[in-house]
Amino acid sequence: MKWYIHVSLTALIASALGFIALSQPAAPQEEQLGIAPNGVNALEFISKIDQVSSTATSYGYLTHIFDVPDDALFANPANPTEATARFTFSATQTLDTPRLVANLIVHSATGTVTFYFNQNPTGNFLNPSSFSSGQVIATYSTRSHDVLNVQAPNQGITTTVSNLEQLTANRFTLLGKQHQLGRKGLLLRAEATGEATRTQVTPLVSVTFSAGNVVITGQR
């Protein structure tokens, strides 16, 4: 039986920051993290995606930010998991009607993703809301193109490519210094691969674990 599932950034991730007061001046260039040159990963991430019918909710954490030591991304660098990740994200996307060919299920999705900074992380994949706590540091609009390659009943491999536009960027303090992640109007492209499991047929319920990277493609 054909089935479909969505990997958001995953959908991402997987990028990003909350509302900025109009009176707040823009941060200088040296404070902007994740501004990588062409062809270099700006961000890398791990995520989980819960799909119910045509809604996909993604949440996860960053494992790499360009120009930031990887150890600084975790409260305990010796245990770099969601439980110690300082940079987390949560995204919601709405899926369109899937296109089917052979064992492939193809569709697109649109939505938003928000990134958070947590000085004292509490991430837990059994508790999705734990990834949307802390200080909001960036927000993005997203459009994703997803391909599910069905490998067996209720199992498949997902490949997702997402285009993102950064909507907001807020300052936060890391290692005693103020920074911001990216900047407003930044355009990015995220790619992710994951393993999907369908747990219910009607209505469709599925879970996907994925990992991927983000590169900068331009500026609005």
N, C-alpha and C. Protein backbone atom coordinates (compact mmCIF):
# COMPACT_ATOMS: atom_id res chain seq x y z
N MET A 1 0.85 -1.19 0.00
CA MET A 1 0.00 0.00 0.00
C MET A 1 0.89 1.24 0.00
N LYS A 2 0.56 2.21 -0.88
CA LYS A 2 1.34 3.44 -0.93
C LYS A 2 1.03 4.29 0.30
N TRP A 3 2.03 4.99 0.73
CA TRP A 3 1.83 5.90 1.83
C TRP A 3 2.79 7.04 1.65
N TYR A 4 2.54 8.15 2.35
CA TYR A 4 3.41 9.29 2.21
C TYR A 4 3.71 9.90 3.57
N ILE A 5 4.83 10.56 3.60
CA ILE A 5 5.28 11.15 4.85
C ILE A 5 6.08 12.39 4.52
N HIS A 6 6.18 13.30 5.42
CA HIS A 6 6.90 14.54 5.16
C HIS A 6 8.10 14.68 6.09
N VAL A 7 9.22 15.01 5.51
CA VAL A 7 10.38 15.39 6.31
C VAL A 7 10.55 16.88 6.16
N SER A 8 10.36 17.62 7.23
CA SER A 8 10.48 19.04 7.16
C SER A 8 11.93 19.41 7.44
N LEU A 9 12.37 20.42 7.44
CA LEU A 9 13.76 20.62 7.90
C LEU A 9 14.13 20.31 9.18
N THR A 10 13.76 20.13 8.63
CA THR A 10 14.43 18.98 8.08
C THR A 10 14.62 19.48 6.89
N ALA A 11 13.16 19.74 7.66
CA ALA A 11 12.49 20.52 6.77
C ALA A 11 13.22 21.76 6.82
N LEU A 12 14.61 21.10 7.26
CA LEU A 12 15.55 21.44 7.73
C LEU A 12 15.89 20.98 7.32
N ILE A 13 15.87 20.83 8.28
CA ILE A 13 16.50 21.33 9.00
C ILE A 13 16.51 21.18 8.72
N ALA A 14 17.34 22.15 8.80
CA ALA A 14 16.66 22.25 9.67
C ALA A 14 16.57 22.92 10.20
N SER A 15 16.61 26.06 9.80
CA SER A 15 17.24 27.09 10.43
C SER A 15 16.69 28.03 11.42
N ALA A 16 16.66 29.25 13.43
CA ALA A 16 16.45 30.40 13.37
C ALA A 16 15.77 31.12 14.32
N LEU A 17 14.68 33.30 14.39
CA LEU A 17 15.00 33.99 15.67
C LEU A 17 13.87 34.89 16.14
N GLY A 18 13.15 35.28 16.84
CA GLY A 18 12.00 35.99 17.26
C GLY A 18 11.92 37.44 16.84
N PHE A 19 10.94 38.13 17.36
CA PHE A 19 10.67 39.48 16.92
C PHE A 19 11.69 40.46 17.50
N ILE A 20 12.08 41.43 16.68
CA ILE A 20 13.04 42.46 17.09
C ILE A 20 12.28 43.77 17.28
N ALA A 21 12.55 44.45 18.38
CA ALA A 21 11.95 45.76 18.57
C ALA A 21 12.42 46.68 17.46
N LEU A 22 11.51 47.54 16.97
CA LEU A 22 11.87 48.40 15.84
C LEU A 22 13.01 49.34 16.20
N SER A 23 13.15 49.64 17.46
CA SER A 23 14.21 50.57 17.88
C SER A 23 15.56 49.90 18.02
N GLN A 24 15.61 48.57 17.94
CA GLN A 24 16.88 47.87 18.15
C GLN A 24 17.76 48.00 16.91
N PRO A 25 18.98 48.50 17.03
CA PRO A 25 19.86 48.64 15.87
C PRO A 25 20.33 47.29 15.37
N ALA A 26 20.66 47.23 14.08
CA ALA A 26 21.16 45.99 13.50
C ALA A 26 22.52 45.67 14.08
N ALA A 27 22.77 44.38 14.30
CA ALA A 27 24.06 43.97 14.84
C ALA A 27 25.13 44.11 13.78
N PRO A 28 26.33 44.48 14.15
CA PRO A 28 27.41 44.56 13.18
C PRO A 28 27.74 43.20 12.60
N GLN A 29 28.40 43.20 11.45
CA GLN A 29 28.65 41.97 10.71
C GLN A 29 29.38 40.93 11.54
N GLU A 30 30.34 41.35 12.37
CA GLU A 30 31.14 40.39 13.11
C GLU A 30 30.32 39.62 14.15
N GLU A 31 29.13 40.10 14.48
CA GLU A 31 28.29 39.42 15.44
C GLU A 31 27.40 38.37 14.79
N GLN A 32 27.36 38.33 13.48
CA GLN A 32 26.45 37.43 12.78
C GLN A 32 27.09 36.06 12.61
N LEU A 33 26.49 35.06 13.24
CA LEU A 33 27.01 33.70 13.17
C LEU A 33 26.32 32.93 12.04
N GLY A 34 27.01 31.93 11.54
CA GLY A 34 26.43 31.10 10.50
C GLY A 34 26.46 31.71 9.12
N ILE A 35 27.26 32.74 8.91
CA ILE A 35 27.38 33.36 7.58
C ILE A 35 28.56 32.70 6.87
N ALA A 36 28.29 31.58 6.22
CA ALA A 36 29.34 30.79 5.57
C ALA A 36 29.52 31.21 4.12
N PRO A 37 30.72 31.06 3.57
CA PRO A 37 30.94 31.34 2.14
C PRO A 37 30.24 30.31 1.27
N ASN A 38 30.17 30.60 -0.03
CA ASN A 38 29.51 29.69 -0.97
C ASN A 38 30.09 28.29 -0.88
N GLY A 39 29.20 27.30 -0.85
CA GLY A 39 29.64 25.91 -0.85
C GLY A 39 30.03 25.35 0.49
N VAL A 40 29.94 26.16 1.54
CA VAL A 40 30.32 25.73 2.89
C VAL A 40 29.06 25.67 3.76
N ASN A 41 28.93 24.61 4.55
CA ASN A 41 27.75 24.48 5.41
C ASN A 41 27.67 25.62 6.42
N ALA A 42 26.53 26.30 6.44
CA ALA A 42 26.28 27.32 7.45
C ALA A 42 25.76 26.69 8.74
N LEU A 43 24.92 25.66 8.59
CA LEU A 43 24.33 24.96 9.72
C LEU A 43 24.29 23.47 9.42
N GLU A 44 24.33 22.66 10.48
CA GLU A 44 24.08 21.22 10.37
C GLU A 44 23.15 20.85 11.52
N PHE A 45 22.29 19.84 11.30
CA PHE A 45 21.24 19.59 12.28
C PHE A 45 20.80 18.13 12.31
N ILE A 46 20.12 17.78 13.39
CA ILE A 46 19.44 16.49 13.56
C ILE A 46 18.00 16.80 13.96
N SER A 47 17.03 16.06 13.40
CA SER A 47 15.64 16.38 13.70
C SER A 47 14.76 15.14 13.74
N LYS A 48 13.60 15.34 14.33
CA LYS A 48 12.53 14.34 14.33
C LYS A 48 11.29 15.01 13.76
N ILE A 49 10.53 14.28 12.94
CA ILE A 49 9.34 14.83 12.31
C ILE A 49 8.15 13.95 12.64
N ASP A 50 7.12 14.56 13.20
CA ASP A 50 5.86 13.87 13.47
C ASP A 50 4.84 14.33 12.44
N GLN A 51 4.31 13.39 11.66
CA GLN A 51 3.29 13.73 10.68
C GLN A 51 1.96 13.12 11.08
N VAL A 52 0.92 13.96 11.06
CA VAL A 52 -0.45 13.51 11.25
C VAL A 52 -1.26 14.06 10.08
N SER A 53 -1.73 13.17 9.21
CA SER A 53 -2.45 13.58 8.01
C SER A 53 -1.57 14.53 7.19
N SER A 54 -2.01 15.76 6.94
CA SER A 54 -1.25 16.67 6.09
C SER A 54 -0.45 17.70 6.87
N THR A 55 -0.26 17.49 8.17
CA THR A 55 0.52 18.41 9.00
C THR A 55 1.77 17.73 9.51
N ALA A 56 2.90 18.38 9.31
CA ALA A 56 4.18 17.85 9.78
C ALA A 56 4.78 18.81 10.80
N THR A 57 5.15 18.28 11.95
CA THR A 57 5.80 19.06 13.00
C THR A 57 7.21 18.53 13.18
N SER A 58 8.18 19.41 12.99
CA SER A 58 9.59 19.03 13.08
C SER A 58 10.23 19.71 14.29
N TYR A 59 11.17 19.03 14.91
CA TYR A 59 11.89 19.61 16.03
C TYR A 59 13.24 18.91 16.13
N GLY A 60 14.24 19.68 16.58
CA GLY A 60 15.57 19.11 16.66
C GLY A 60 16.58 20.12 17.15
N TYR A 61 17.85 19.89 16.79
CA TYR A 61 18.91 20.74 17.32
C TYR A 61 20.05 20.87 16.31
N LEU A 62 20.83 21.93 16.49
CA LEU A 62 21.98 22.19 15.62
C LEU A 62 23.20 21.47 16.15
N THR A 63 23.95 20.86 15.24
CA THR A 63 25.21 20.20 15.58
C THR A 63 26.41 20.99 15.08
N HIS A 64 26.16 22.02 14.27
CA HIS A 64 27.26 22.84 13.74
C HIS A 64 26.71 24.18 13.31
N ILE A 65 27.42 25.25 13.65
CA ILE A 65 27.17 26.60 13.14
C ILE A 65 28.50 27.14 12.64
N PHE A 66 28.54 27.60 11.42
CA PHE A 66 29.78 28.13 10.86
C PHE A 66 30.34 29.24 11.75
N ASP A 67 31.63 29.18 12.03
CA ASP A 67 32.35 30.16 12.84
C ASP A 67 32.13 29.99 14.34
N VAL A 68 31.50 28.89 14.76
CA VAL A 68 31.31 28.62 16.18
C VAL A 68 31.94 27.26 16.50
N PRO A 69 32.78 27.16 17.53
CA PRO A 69 33.31 25.84 17.90
C PRO A 69 32.17 24.88 18.21
N ASP A 70 32.24 23.68 17.65
CA ASP A 70 31.15 22.72 17.86
C ASP A 70 30.90 22.45 19.34
N ASP A 71 31.96 22.44 20.15
CA ASP A 71 31.79 22.19 21.58
C ASP A 71 30.91 23.24 22.25
N ALA A 72 30.90 24.48 21.71
CA ALA A 72 30.13 25.55 22.32
C ALA A 72 28.63 25.37 22.11
N LEU A 73 28.25 24.47 21.22
CA LEU A 73 26.84 24.24 20.93
C LEU A 73 26.17 23.33 21.95
N PHE A 74 26.97 22.75 22.85
CA PHE A 74 26.43 21.79 23.81
C PHE A 74 26.87 22.14 25.23
N ALA A 75 25.94 22.01 26.17
CA ALA A 75 26.28 22.27 27.57
C ALA A 75 27.28 21.25 28.08
N ASN A 76 27.23 20.04 27.51
CA ASN A 76 28.19 18.99 27.85
C ASN A 76 28.77 18.45 26.54
N PRO A 77 29.90 18.99 26.08
CA PRO A 77 30.46 18.57 24.79
C PRO A 77 30.79 17.08 24.72
N ALA A 78 31.01 16.44 25.86
CA ALA A 78 31.30 15.01 25.86
C ALA A 78 30.05 14.17 25.59
N ASN A 79 28.88 14.81 25.66
CA ASN A 79 27.61 14.12 25.42
C ASN A 79 26.75 14.99 24.50
N PRO A 80 27.12 15.10 23.22
CA PRO A 80 26.45 16.02 22.29
C PRO A 80 25.13 15.45 21.76
N THR A 81 24.09 15.50 22.57
CA THR A 81 22.78 14.99 22.21
C THR A 81 21.74 16.09 22.35
N GLU A 82 20.47 15.74 22.06
CA GLU A 82 19.41 16.73 22.22
C GLU A 82 19.30 17.22 23.66
N ALA A 83 19.70 16.40 24.62
CA ALA A 83 19.59 16.78 26.03
C ALA A 83 20.55 17.90 26.41
N THR A 84 21.63 18.07 25.66
CA THR A 84 22.63 19.09 25.99
C THR A 84 22.75 20.17 24.93
N ALA A 85 21.91 20.12 23.88
CA ALA A 85 22.01 21.06 22.76
C ALA A 85 21.49 22.44 23.15
N ARG A 86 22.30 23.46 22.92
CA ARG A 86 21.91 24.83 23.26
C ARG A 86 21.07 25.47 22.17
N PHE A 87 21.21 25.00 20.92
CA PHE A 87 20.47 25.58 19.80
C PHE A 87 19.45 24.56 19.29
N THR A 88 18.18 24.86 19.48
CA THR A 88 17.12 23.95 19.07
C THR A 88 16.18 24.65 18.10
N PHE A 89 15.30 23.88 17.47
CA PHE A 89 14.33 24.47 16.56
C PHE A 89 13.04 23.67 16.55
N SER A 90 11.99 24.34 16.09
CA SER A 90 10.68 23.71 15.94
C SER A 90 10.04 24.29 14.69
N ALA A 91 9.41 23.43 13.88
CA ALA A 91 8.81 23.87 12.62
C ALA A 91 7.48 23.18 12.42
N THR A 92 6.57 23.88 11.74
CA THR A 92 5.29 23.30 11.33
C THR A 92 5.09 23.57 9.85
N GLN A 93 4.70 22.52 9.10
CA GLN A 93 4.45 22.67 7.67
C GLN A 93 3.16 21.94 7.29
N THR A 94 2.53 22.45 6.23
CA THR A 94 1.34 21.83 5.67
C THR A 94 1.68 21.20 4.33
N LEU A 95 1.35 19.94 4.16
CA LEU A 95 1.70 19.18 2.96
C LEU A 95 0.61 19.29 1.91
N ASP A 96 1.02 19.26 0.64
CA ASP A 96 0.05 19.21 -0.45
C ASP A 96 -0.26 17.76 -0.80
N THR A 97 -1.06 17.55 -1.85
CA THR A 97 -1.41 16.20 -2.28
C THR A 97 -0.19 15.52 -2.88
N PRO A 98 0.13 14.30 -2.47
CA PRO A 98 1.34 13.64 -2.97
C PRO A 98 1.19 13.18 -4.41
N ARG A 99 2.32 13.11 -5.13
CA ARG A 99 2.41 12.52 -6.47
C ARG A 99 3.11 11.18 -6.35
N LEU A 100 2.55 10.15 -6.98
CA LEU A 100 3.05 8.79 -6.84
C LEU A 100 3.61 8.29 -8.15
N VAL A 101 4.80 7.66 -8.09
CA VAL A 101 5.38 7.00 -9.25
C VAL A 101 6.27 5.87 -8.74
N ALA A 102 6.00 4.64 -9.21
CA ALA A 102 6.73 3.46 -8.74
C ALA A 102 6.70 3.44 -7.21
N ASN A 103 7.87 3.33 -6.57
CA ASN A 103 7.93 3.33 -5.11
C ASN A 103 8.16 4.71 -4.51
N LEU A 104 8.08 5.75 -5.34
CA LEU A 104 8.35 7.10 -4.86
C LEU A 104 7.05 7.84 -4.57
N ILE A 105 7.07 8.59 -3.49
CA ILE A 105 5.97 9.47 -3.11
C ILE A 105 6.55 10.87 -2.96
N VAL A 106 6.04 11.80 -3.77
CA VAL A 106 6.64 13.13 -3.89
C VAL A 106 5.60 14.19 -3.53
N HIS A 107 6.00 15.16 -2.73
CA HIS A 107 5.10 16.26 -2.43
C HIS A 107 5.90 17.46 -1.95
N SER A 108 5.22 18.60 -1.81
CA SER A 108 5.84 19.81 -1.29
C SER A 108 5.08 20.26 -0.05
N ALA A 109 5.69 21.18 0.69
CA ALA A 109 5.08 21.66 1.92
C ALA A 109 5.58 23.07 2.21
N THR A 110 4.76 23.86 2.88
CA THR A 110 5.14 25.22 3.26
C THR A 110 4.87 25.43 4.74
N GLY A 111 5.63 26.35 5.35
CA GLY A 111 5.43 26.63 6.76
C GLY A 111 6.48 27.57 7.30
N THR A 112 6.76 27.45 8.59
CA THR A 112 7.75 28.30 9.26
C THR A 112 8.59 27.46 10.21
N VAL A 113 9.78 27.97 10.52
CA VAL A 113 10.66 27.33 11.49
C VAL A 113 11.21 28.40 12.42
N THR A 114 11.31 28.07 13.70
CA THR A 114 11.82 28.99 14.71
C THR A 114 12.98 28.34 15.44
N PHE A 115 14.05 29.11 15.65
CA PHE A 115 15.22 28.62 16.38
C PHE A 115 15.30 29.28 17.75
N TYR A 116 15.85 28.51 18.70
CA TYR A 116 15.91 28.94 20.10
C TYR A 116 17.33 28.73 20.64
N PHE A 117 17.68 29.58 21.61
CA PHE A 117 18.93 29.40 22.34
C PHE A 117 18.59 29.05 23.78
N ASN A 118 19.22 27.99 24.29
CA ASN A 118 18.98 27.52 25.65
C ASN A 118 20.31 27.44 26.40
N GLN A 119 20.50 28.32 27.37
CA GLN A 119 21.72 28.27 28.16
C GLN A 119 21.77 26.99 28.99
N ASN A 120 20.59 26.53 29.43
CA ASN A 120 20.48 25.29 30.20
C ASN A 120 19.53 24.35 29.47
N PRO A 121 20.04 23.54 28.55
CA PRO A 121 19.19 22.74 27.66
C PRO A 121 18.39 21.67 28.39
N THR A 122 17.22 21.35 27.81
CA THR A 122 16.36 20.29 28.35
C THR A 122 15.72 19.49 27.23
N GLY A 123 16.33 19.45 26.05
CA GLY A 123 15.72 18.77 24.90
C GLY A 123 15.50 17.29 25.13
N ASN A 124 14.35 16.81 24.66
CA ASN A 124 14.01 15.40 24.79
C ASN A 124 13.08 15.04 23.64
N PHE A 125 13.47 14.10 22.78
CA PHE A 125 12.65 13.75 21.63
C PHE A 125 11.31 13.14 22.03
N LEU A 126 11.16 12.73 23.29
CA LEU A 126 9.87 12.24 23.77
C LEU A 126 8.96 13.39 24.18
N ASN A 127 9.50 14.61 24.20
CA ASN A 127 8.74 15.80 24.60
C ASN A 127 8.99 16.90 23.57
N PRO A 128 8.21 16.94 22.48
CA PRO A 128 8.45 17.91 21.40
C PRO A 128 8.52 19.35 21.88
N SER A 129 7.73 19.71 22.88
CA SER A 129 7.72 21.11 23.33
C SER A 129 9.04 21.53 23.96
N SER A 130 9.87 20.58 24.35
CA SER A 130 11.16 20.92 24.96
C SER A 130 12.10 21.58 23.96
N PHE A 131 11.81 21.45 22.66
CA PHE A 131 12.65 22.06 21.63
C PHE A 131 12.20 23.48 21.28
N SER A 132 11.08 23.91 21.84
CA SER A 132 10.60 25.27 21.58
C SER A 132 10.57 26.09 22.85
N SER A 133 11.52 25.80 23.74
CA SER A 133 11.70 26.61 24.95
C SER A 133 13.00 27.39 24.81
N GLY A 134 13.18 28.36 25.68
CA GLY A 134 14.38 29.18 25.62
C GLY A 134 14.13 30.48 24.89
N GLN A 135 15.21 31.16 24.51
CA GLN A 135 15.12 32.46 23.85
C GLN A 135 14.98 32.29 22.35
N VAL A 136 13.96 32.91 21.77
CA VAL A 136 13.79 32.88 20.31
C VAL A 136 14.88 33.72 19.67
N ILE A 137 15.64 33.12 18.75
CA ILE A 137 16.75 33.85 18.13
C ILE A 137 16.60 34.04 16.62
N ALA A 138 15.71 33.28 15.96
CA ALA A 138 15.52 33.48 14.52
C ALA A 138 14.27 32.77 14.04
N THR A 139 13.63 33.33 13.00
CA THR A 139 12.49 32.68 12.36
C THR A 139 12.69 32.72 10.85
N TYR A 140 12.12 31.71 10.18
CA TYR A 140 12.22 31.59 8.73
C TYR A 140 10.90 31.11 8.13
N SER A 141 10.62 31.53 6.91
CA SER A 141 9.58 30.88 6.12
C SER A 141 10.24 29.75 5.34
N THR A 142 9.47 28.69 5.04
CA THR A 142 10.04 27.52 4.38
C THR A 142 9.12 26.99 3.29
N ARG A 143 9.75 26.44 2.25
CA ARG A 143 9.05 25.61 1.26
C ARG A 143 9.93 24.39 1.03
N SER A 144 9.36 23.20 1.18
CA SER A 144 10.13 21.97 1.09
C SER A 144 9.63 21.09 -0.05
N HIS A 145 10.56 20.37 -0.66
CA HIS A 145 10.25 19.34 -1.67
C HIS A 145 10.73 18.01 -1.10
N ASP A 146 9.82 17.06 -0.97
CA ASP A 146 10.11 15.81 -0.28
C ASP A 146 9.91 14.61 -1.20
N VAL A 147 10.83 13.67 -1.12
CA VAL A 147 10.73 12.41 -1.86
C VAL A 147 10.87 11.27 -0.85
N LEU A 148 9.85 10.43 -0.80
CA LEU A 148 9.90 9.24 0.05
C LEU A 148 10.08 8.02 -0.84
N ASN A 149 11.13 7.27 -0.61
CA ASN A 149 11.39 6.02 -1.33
C ASN A 149 10.97 4.87 -0.42
N VAL A 150 9.83 4.25 -0.74
CA VAL A 150 9.29 3.18 0.10
C VAL A 150 10.17 1.94 -0.04
N GLN A 151 10.70 1.47 1.08
CA GLN A 151 11.60 0.32 1.09
C GLN A 151 10.90 -0.98 1.49
N ALA A 152 9.85 -0.85 2.28
CA ALA A 152 9.10 -2.00 2.79
C ALA A 152 7.80 -1.46 3.35
N PRO A 153 6.82 -2.33 3.63
CA PRO A 153 5.58 -1.83 4.23
C PRO A 153 5.87 -0.98 5.47
N ASN A 154 5.37 0.24 5.44
CA ASN A 154 5.49 1.17 6.58
C ASN A 154 6.90 1.69 6.82
N GLN A 155 7.82 1.48 5.88
CA GLN A 155 9.20 1.95 6.03
C GLN A 155 9.66 2.64 4.75
N GLY A 156 10.42 3.73 4.91
CA GLY A 156 10.93 4.42 3.73
C GLY A 156 12.10 5.31 4.06
N ILE A 157 12.82 5.72 3.01
CA ILE A 157 13.94 6.65 3.12
C ILE A 157 13.50 7.97 2.52
N THR A 158 13.71 9.05 3.25
CA THR A 158 13.26 10.36 2.81
C THR A 158 14.44 11.23 2.39
N THR A 159 14.20 12.04 1.36
CA THR A 159 15.15 13.06 0.92
C THR A 159 14.38 14.36 0.81
N THR A 160 14.85 15.39 1.48
CA THR A 160 14.13 16.66 1.51
C THR A 160 15.07 17.81 1.16
N VAL A 161 14.58 18.71 0.31
CA VAL A 161 15.28 19.95 0.00
C VAL A 161 14.34 21.10 0.34
N SER A 162 14.81 22.06 1.12
CA SER A 162 13.97 23.16 1.57
C SER A 162 14.62 24.50 1.24
N ASN A 163 13.80 25.44 0.79
CA ASN A 163 14.24 26.82 0.61
C ASN A 163 13.71 27.64 1.79
N LEU A 164 14.59 28.44 2.38
CA LEU A 164 14.22 29.23 3.55
C LEU A 164 14.56 30.70 3.32
N GLU A 165 13.73 31.57 3.88
CA GLU A 165 14.03 33.00 3.94
C GLU A 165 13.96 33.44 5.38
N GLN A 166 15.04 34.06 5.86
CA GLN A 166 15.07 34.49 7.26
C GLN A 166 14.19 35.72 7.45
N LEU A 167 13.30 35.63 8.43
CA LEU A 167 12.35 36.70 8.70
C LEU A 167 12.80 37.62 9.83
N THR A 168 13.45 37.05 10.85
CA THR A 168 13.86 37.84 12.01
C THR A 168 15.18 37.32 12.56
N ALA A 169 15.85 38.16 13.34
CA ALA A 169 17.10 37.78 14.01
C ALA A 169 17.22 38.58 15.31
N ASN A 170 17.37 37.89 16.42
CA ASN A 170 17.52 38.53 17.73
C ASN A 170 18.89 38.23 18.31
N ARG A 171 19.42 39.19 19.04
CA ARG A 171 20.71 38.97 19.70
C ARG A 171 20.57 38.02 20.88
N PHE A 172 21.63 37.28 21.12
CA PHE A 172 21.70 36.40 22.28
C PHE A 172 23.15 36.37 22.74
N THR A 173 23.38 35.89 23.96
CA THR A 173 24.72 35.87 24.53
C THR A 173 25.24 34.45 24.57
N LEU A 174 26.40 34.25 23.94
CA LEU A 174 27.07 32.95 23.93
C LEU A 174 28.52 33.16 24.31
N LEU A 175 28.99 32.43 25.30
CA LEU A 175 30.37 32.53 25.78
C LEU A 175 30.73 33.96 26.16
N GLY A 176 29.76 34.65 26.77
CA GLY A 176 30.01 36.00 27.27
C GLY A 176 29.96 37.10 26.24
N LYS A 177 29.59 36.79 24.98
CA LYS A 177 29.53 37.80 23.93
C LYS A 177 28.17 37.76 23.25
N GLN A 178 27.74 38.93 22.75
CA GLN A 178 26.47 39.01 22.03
C GLN A 178 26.66 38.63 20.57
N HIS A 179 25.70 37.88 20.05
CA HIS A 179 25.72 37.44 18.66
C HIS A 179 24.30 37.45 18.12
N GLN A 180 24.18 37.23 16.80
CA GLN A 180 22.90 36.89 16.22
C GLN A 180 23.14 35.81 15.17
N LEU A 181 22.13 34.99 14.96
CA LEU A 181 22.22 33.91 13.98
C LEU A 181 21.71 34.42 12.65
N GLY A 182 22.61 34.53 11.66
CA GLY A 182 22.21 35.01 10.34
C GLY A 182 21.77 36.46 10.38
N ARG A 183 20.87 36.83 9.45
CA ARG A 183 20.33 38.19 9.38
C ARG A 183 19.04 38.17 8.58
N LYS A 184 18.22 39.17 8.79
CA LYS A 184 16.94 39.26 8.10
C LYS A 184 17.14 39.30 6.58
N GLY A 185 16.33 38.55 5.85
CA GLY A 185 16.40 38.53 4.40
C GLY A 185 17.36 37.51 3.84
N LEU A 186 18.08 36.79 4.70
CA LEU A 186 19.02 35.77 4.23
C LEU A 186 18.25 34.62 3.58
N LEU A 187 18.74 34.15 2.43
CA LEU A 187 18.13 33.03 1.72
C LEU A 187 19.01 31.80 1.88
N LEU A 188 18.40 30.67 2.19
CA LEU A 188 19.16 29.45 2.47
C LEU A 188 18.51 28.24 1.81
N ARG A 189 19.30 27.19 1.71
CA ARG A 189 18.83 25.92 1.14
C ARG A 189 19.25 24.80 2.09
N ALA A 190 18.28 24.02 2.53
CA ALA A 190 18.54 22.91 3.45
C ALA A 190 18.30 21.59 2.75
N GLU A 191 19.15 20.62 3.04
CA GLU A 191 19.00 19.27 2.51
C GLU A 191 19.07 18.29 3.67
N ALA A 192 18.20 17.28 3.64
CA ALA A 192 18.16 16.31 4.74
C ALA A 192 17.79 14.93 4.21
N THR A 193 18.31 13.91 4.89
CA THR A 193 17.98 12.52 4.60
C THR A 193 17.51 11.87 5.89
N GLY A 194 16.48 11.02 5.78
CA GLY A 194 15.97 10.41 6.99
C GLY A 194 15.34 9.05 6.77
N GLU A 195 14.99 8.42 7.88
CA GLU A 195 14.30 7.14 7.87
C GLU A 195 12.91 7.34 8.45
N ALA A 196 11.90 6.96 7.66
CA ALA A 196 10.51 7.20 8.05
C ALA A 196 9.81 5.89 8.39
N THR A 197 8.95 5.96 9.40
CA THR A 197 8.15 4.81 9.81
C THR A 197 6.70 5.24 9.94
N ARG A 198 5.81 4.55 9.21
CA ARG A 198 4.39 4.81 9.36
C ARG A 198 3.86 3.96 10.51
N THR A 199 3.16 4.62 11.43
CA THR A 199 2.63 3.91 12.60
C THR A 199 1.12 3.75 12.56
N GLN A 200 0.47 4.46 11.63
CA GLN A 200 -0.98 4.34 11.49
C GLN A 200 -1.36 4.70 10.06
N VAL A 201 -2.32 3.96 9.50
CA VAL A 201 -2.70 4.17 8.10
C VAL A 201 -3.75 5.27 7.97
N THR A 202 -4.83 5.19 8.76
CA THR A 202 -5.92 6.15 8.65
C THR A 202 -6.35 6.63 10.03
N PRO A 203 -6.25 7.96 10.28
CA PRO A 203 -5.51 8.91 9.46
C PRO A 203 -4.02 8.62 9.52
N LEU A 204 -3.30 9.07 8.52
CA LEU A 204 -1.88 8.79 8.43
C LEU A 204 -1.11 9.37 9.62
N VAL A 205 -0.32 8.54 10.26
CA VAL A 205 0.58 8.98 11.33
C VAL A 205 1.95 8.37 11.05
N SER A 206 2.99 9.18 11.10
CA SER A 206 4.33 8.66 10.83
C SER A 206 5.36 9.44 11.64
N VAL A 207 6.53 8.83 11.78
CA VAL A 207 7.65 9.42 12.51
C VAL A 207 8.89 9.28 11.65
N THR A 208 9.68 10.36 11.57
CA THR A 208 10.91 10.35 10.79
C THR A 208 12.05 10.93 11.62
N PHE A 209 13.18 10.28 11.61
CA PHE A 209 14.41 10.86 12.14
C PHE A 209 15.30 11.21 10.95
N SER A 210 15.85 12.43 10.96
CA SER A 210 16.65 12.87 9.81
C SER A 210 17.81 13.74 10.27
N ALA A 211 18.74 13.94 9.36
CA ALA A 211 19.88 14.83 9.59
C ALA A 211 20.21 15.52 8.29
N GLY A 212 20.78 16.73 8.39
CA GLY A 212 21.08 17.45 7.16
C GLY A 212 21.92 18.68 7.40
N ASN A 213 21.98 19.52 6.38
CA ASN A 213 22.81 20.72 6.41
C ASN A 213 22.12 21.86 5.68
N VAL A 214 22.59 23.07 5.94
CA VAL A 214 22.02 24.28 5.36
C VAL A 214 23.15 25.12 4.76
N VAL A 215 22.93 25.64 3.55
CA VAL A 215 23.89 26.54 2.92
C VAL A 215 23.18 27.84 2.56
N ILE A 216 23.94 28.91 2.45
CA ILE A 216 23.39 30.21 2.07
C ILE A 216 23.36 30.31 0.55
N THR A 217 22.23 30.80 0.02
CA THR A 217 22.09 30.94 -1.43
C THR A 217 21.99 32.39 -1.88
N GLY A 218 21.74 33.32 -0.97
CA GLY A 218 21.62 34.71 -1.38
C GLY A 218 21.08 35.59 -0.28
N GLN A 219 20.66 36.80 -0.68
CA GLN A 219 20.14 37.79 0.26
C GLN A 219 18.97 38.50 -0.40
N ARG A 220 17.85 38.61 0.31
CA ARG A 220 16.68 39.30 -0.22
C ARG A 220 16.97 40.79 -0.30
